[in-house]
Amino acid sequence: MSVHEPVRTCVGCGARSPQRALVRFVAGPAGLRVDGRRRAPGRGGYLHASPECWRAFARRRGPVRSLRVSPAPAERAALVAALAAAEAERGEG
């Protein structure tokens, strides 16, 4: 008997990967934010932990299907900046 592992789609590159290999973010009243514990309420999306996927997400126009909203370019840029800051902090620690 095999163990089921959830698979999610990266909203940056469109590739499917195991959920544990992706970073979750949510759309809330305050905009997009990283969900480090993967438990925040609200519509969520997933990105690979790679700057290439972050840049692809930031460049993208139109709605994000998993979020059911169309985040503004400034919201996308703020999320990418938060991801980059978290990655830099993790690299230093």
C-alpha atoms as a PDB file:
ATOM      1  CA  MET A   1       0.000   0.000   0.000  1.00  0.00           C
ATOM      2  CA  SER A   2       1.473   3.359  -1.019  1.00  0.00           C
ATOM      3  CA  VAL A   3       1.195   6.542   0.990  1.00  0.00           C
ATOM      4  CA  HIS A   4      -0.645   9.407  -0.699  1.00  0.00           C
ATOM      5  CA  GLU A   5       1.415  12.562  -1.055  1.00  0.00           C
ATOM      6  CA  PRO A   6      -0.402  15.785  -2.032  1.00  0.00           C
ATOM      7  CA  VAL A   7       0.741  17.351  -5.303  1.00  0.00           C
ATOM      8  CA  ARG A   8       0.360  21.070  -6.038  1.00  0.00           C
ATOM      9  CA  THR A   9       1.054  23.301  -9.046  1.00  0.00           C
ATOM     10  CA  CYS A  10       3.556  26.154  -8.887  1.00  0.00           C
ATOM     11  CA  VAL A  11       1.853  29.388  -9.986  1.00  0.00           C
ATOM     12  CA  GLY A  12       5.212  30.651 -11.287  1.00  0.00           C
ATOM     13  CA  CYS A  13       6.372  27.926 -13.659  1.00  0.00           C
ATOM     14  CA  GLY A  14       3.279  25.712 -13.803  1.00  0.00           C
ATOM     15  CA  ALA A  15       5.136  22.521 -12.841  1.00  0.00           C
ATOM     16  CA  ARG A  16       3.520  20.040 -10.468  1.00  0.00           C
ATOM     17  CA  SER A  17       5.519  19.053  -7.380  1.00  0.00           C
ATOM     18  CA  PRO A  18       4.940  17.451  -3.988  1.00  0.00           C
ATOM     19  CA  GLN A  19       3.303  19.935  -1.633  1.00  0.00           C
ATOM     20  CA  ARG A  20       6.210  19.775   0.829  1.00  0.00           C
ATOM     21  CA  ALA A  21       8.597  21.033  -1.900  1.00  0.00           C
ATOM     22  CA  LEU A  22       6.640  24.258  -2.436  1.00  0.00           C
ATOM     23  CA  VAL A  23       6.173  27.487  -0.464  1.00  0.00           C
ATOM     24  CA  ARG A  24       2.538  28.348   0.302  1.00  0.00           C
ATOM     25  CA  PHE A  25       1.169  31.875   0.253  1.00  0.00           C
ATOM     26  CA  VAL A  26      -2.328  33.170   0.907  1.00  0.00           C
ATOM     27  CA  ALA A  27      -4.471  36.055  -0.275  1.00  0.00           C
ATOM     28  CA  GLY A  28      -6.017  37.891   2.640  1.00  0.00           C
ATOM     29  CA  PRO A  29      -7.476  41.301   3.384  1.00  0.00           C
ATOM     30  CA  ALA A  30      -3.946  42.717   3.768  1.00  0.00           C
ATOM     31  CA  GLY A  31      -2.772  41.285   0.426  1.00  0.00           C
ATOM     32  CA  LEU A  32      -0.526  38.334  -0.358  1.00  0.00           C
ATOM     33  CA  ARG A  33       1.636  36.877   2.401  1.00  0.00           C
ATOM     34  CA  VAL A  34       3.833  33.828   2.919  1.00  0.00           C
ATOM     35  CA  ASP A  35       2.207  31.050   4.955  1.00  0.00           C
ATOM     36  CA  GLY A  36       5.209  29.392   6.583  1.00  0.00           C
ATOM     37  CA  ARG A  37       3.128  27.025   8.721  1.00  0.00           C
ATOM     38  CA  ARG A  38       0.787  26.124   5.805  1.00  0.00           C
ATOM     39  CA  ARG A  39      -2.257  26.585   8.013  1.00  0.00           C
ATOM     40  CA  ALA A  40      -3.425  30.163   7.378  1.00  0.00           C
ATOM     41  CA  PRO A  41      -7.059  30.580   6.388  1.00  0.00           C
ATOM     42  CA  GLY A  42      -7.923  31.913   2.968  1.00  0.00           C
ATOM     43  CA  ARG A  43      -7.219  31.057  -0.621  1.00  0.00           C
ATOM     44  CA  GLY A  44      -3.688  29.797  -1.112  1.00  0.00           C
ATOM     45  CA  GLY A  45      -1.196  29.326  -3.906  1.00  0.00           C
ATOM     46  CA  TYR A  46       2.171  27.609  -4.165  1.00  0.00           C
ATOM     47  CA  LEU A  47       5.573  28.577  -5.546  1.00  0.00           C
ATOM     48  CA  HIS A  48       8.855  26.710  -5.823  1.00  0.00           C
ATOM     49  CA  ALA A  49      11.574  28.094  -3.567  1.00  0.00           C
ATOM     50  CA  SER A  50      13.492  29.402  -6.583  1.00  0.00           C
ATOM     51  CA  PRO A  51      13.977  33.003  -7.710  1.00  0.00           C
ATOM     52  CA  GLU A  52      13.102  31.995 -11.294  1.00  0.00           C
ATOM     53  CA  CYS A  53       9.589  30.964 -10.242  1.00  0.00           C
ATOM     54  CA  TRP A  54       9.199  34.094  -8.113  1.00  0.00           C
ATOM     55  CA  ARG A  55      10.140  36.320 -11.063  1.00  0.00           C
ATOM     56  CA  ALA A  56       7.764  34.435 -13.376  1.00  0.00           C
ATOM     57  CA  PHE A  57       4.960  34.946 -10.849  1.00  0.00           C
ATOM     58  CA  ALA A  58       5.773  38.672 -10.522  1.00  0.00           C
ATOM     59  CA  ARG A  59       5.765  39.149 -14.326  1.00  0.00           C
ATOM     60  CA  ARG A  60       2.525  37.294 -14.838  1.00  0.00           C
ATOM     61  CA  ARG A  61      -0.640  39.257 -15.564  1.00  0.00           C
ATOM     62  CA  GLY A  62      -4.231  38.364 -14.827  1.00  0.00           C
ATOM     63  CA  PRO A  63      -5.870  36.222 -12.183  1.00  0.00           C
ATOM     64  CA  VAL A  64      -4.260  33.443 -10.201  1.00  0.00           C
ATOM     65  CA  ARG A  65      -6.734  30.607 -10.460  1.00  0.00           C
ATOM     66  CA  SER A  66      -5.966  29.082  -7.067  1.00  0.00           C
ATOM     67  CA  LEU A  67      -6.522  32.447  -5.363  1.00  0.00           C
ATOM     68  CA  ARG A  68      -9.609  33.385  -7.385  1.00  0.00           C
ATOM     69  CA  VAL A  69      -8.318  36.954  -7.519  1.00  0.00           C
ATOM     70  CA  SER A  70      -6.027  39.027  -9.705  1.00  0.00           C
ATOM     71  CA  PRO A  71      -3.313  40.423  -7.418  1.00  0.00           C
ATOM     72  CA  ALA A  72      -1.941  43.844  -8.332  1.00  0.00           C
ATOM     73  CA  PRO A  73       1.653  43.987  -9.600  1.00  0.00           C
ATOM     74  CA  ALA A  74       2.657  45.732  -6.360  1.00  0.00           C
ATOM     75  CA  GLU A  75       1.204  42.854  -4.298  1.00  0.00           C
ATOM     76  CA  ARG A  76       3.095  40.313  -6.402  1.00  0.00           C
ATOM     77  CA  ALA A  77       6.326  42.303  -6.022  1.00  0.00           C
ATOM     78  CA  ALA A  78       5.840  42.558  -2.247  1.00  0.00           C
ATOM     79  CA  LEU A  79       5.371  38.775  -1.987  1.00  0.00           C
ATOM     80  CA  VAL A  80       8.511  38.154  -4.055  1.00  0.00           C
ATOM     81  CA  ALA A  81      10.455  40.559  -1.810  1.00  0.00           C
ATOM     82  CA  ALA A  82       9.186  38.730   1.296  1.00  0.00           C
ATOM     83  CA  LEU A  83      10.209  35.367  -0.195  1.00  0.00           C
ATOM     84  CA  ALA A  84      13.674  36.700  -1.053  1.00  0.00           C
ATOM     85  CA  ALA A  85      14.111  38.157   2.446  1.00  0.00           C
ATOM     86  CA  ALA A  86      13.055  34.868   4.055  1.00  0.00           C
ATOM     87  CA  GLU A  87      15.461  32.948   1.815  1.00  0.00           C
ATOM     88  CA  ALA A  88      18.335  35.306   2.683  1.00  0.00           C
ATOM     89  CA  GLU A  89      17.548  35.008   6.391  1.00  0.00           C
ATOM     90  CA  ARG A  90      17.474  31.217   6.135  1.00  0.00           C
ATOM     91  CA  GLY A  91      20.841  31.237   4.333  1.00  0.00           C
ATOM     92  CA  GLU A  92      22.470  33.321   7.067  1.00  0.00           C
ATOM     93  CA  GLY A  93      21.135  31.218   9.932  1.00  0.00           C
END
